[in-house]
Amino acid sequence: MSIPNSLTVFRILLTPVFVVLLFSDSVFLKQLSLLVYIVAALTDWYDGWVARKYGYITRWGRFLDPLADKILSAAALFSFVYLRLIDGWLVWIIVLRDFLITGLRSYAEWTDRPVVTSRTAQAKTFGEFVVIYYILILYVADAIPPFRQEFGVWIDTLMHPLVLFGMMLLVTLSTLGTGIMYLIDNRKFLYELYRGRS
């Protein structure tokens, strides 16, 4: 297995580790969950860089890499739902759209008909990860007694349900928008896929 693909598998394996640490009662383990998430996210950047630099781009890698990203982000979002930080219906919309589009993209790659990710879709993904880091960092900080004592008022303000709802609503709307744009831009491929299965 190539280095990029190994890093992708490693990112998937880190996902349940992150969730277990995040739900721990230990303040230290909660802090460690943030570190694990950052490491997992960095493997995405690094495996892509290695693949492009050394020509390790494979069909399997093109299929697995975006799937690993969605597994990681979905795990974080559903964890926030479990912790009652954000609304589940917003997360379900985001996750279902992400896995649907990722599945279509992966199939297109697998059949040698790659689809170029639009700038708006890249911006949506960036925004989604910004919100995840925002919530994760503040949640972990709130669990640390010195931070809670010193910055508790600020944390409560930044983590106010209306603030988090507004941020998640923006991500959800951009997710739906880019998903619709993807379907429109690739309607020919989708029609061929439909005809091929009918």
Foldseek 3Di string as FASTA:
>chain_A
DDPLVVLLVVLLVLQVQLLVLCPDPDLVSLVVSLVSLVSSVVSLVVSVVCCVVVVVDDLVSLLRSLVSVLSNLLSLVVSCVVVVLAPPVLSVLLSVLSVVVSVVQSVCSNVVNHDDQDPLNVVLSVLSVVLSSQVSVLVSLCSDVVSCVPCVVVSCVCSPSVNNHVSSVVSSVSSVVSSVVVCVVCVVVVVVVVVVVD
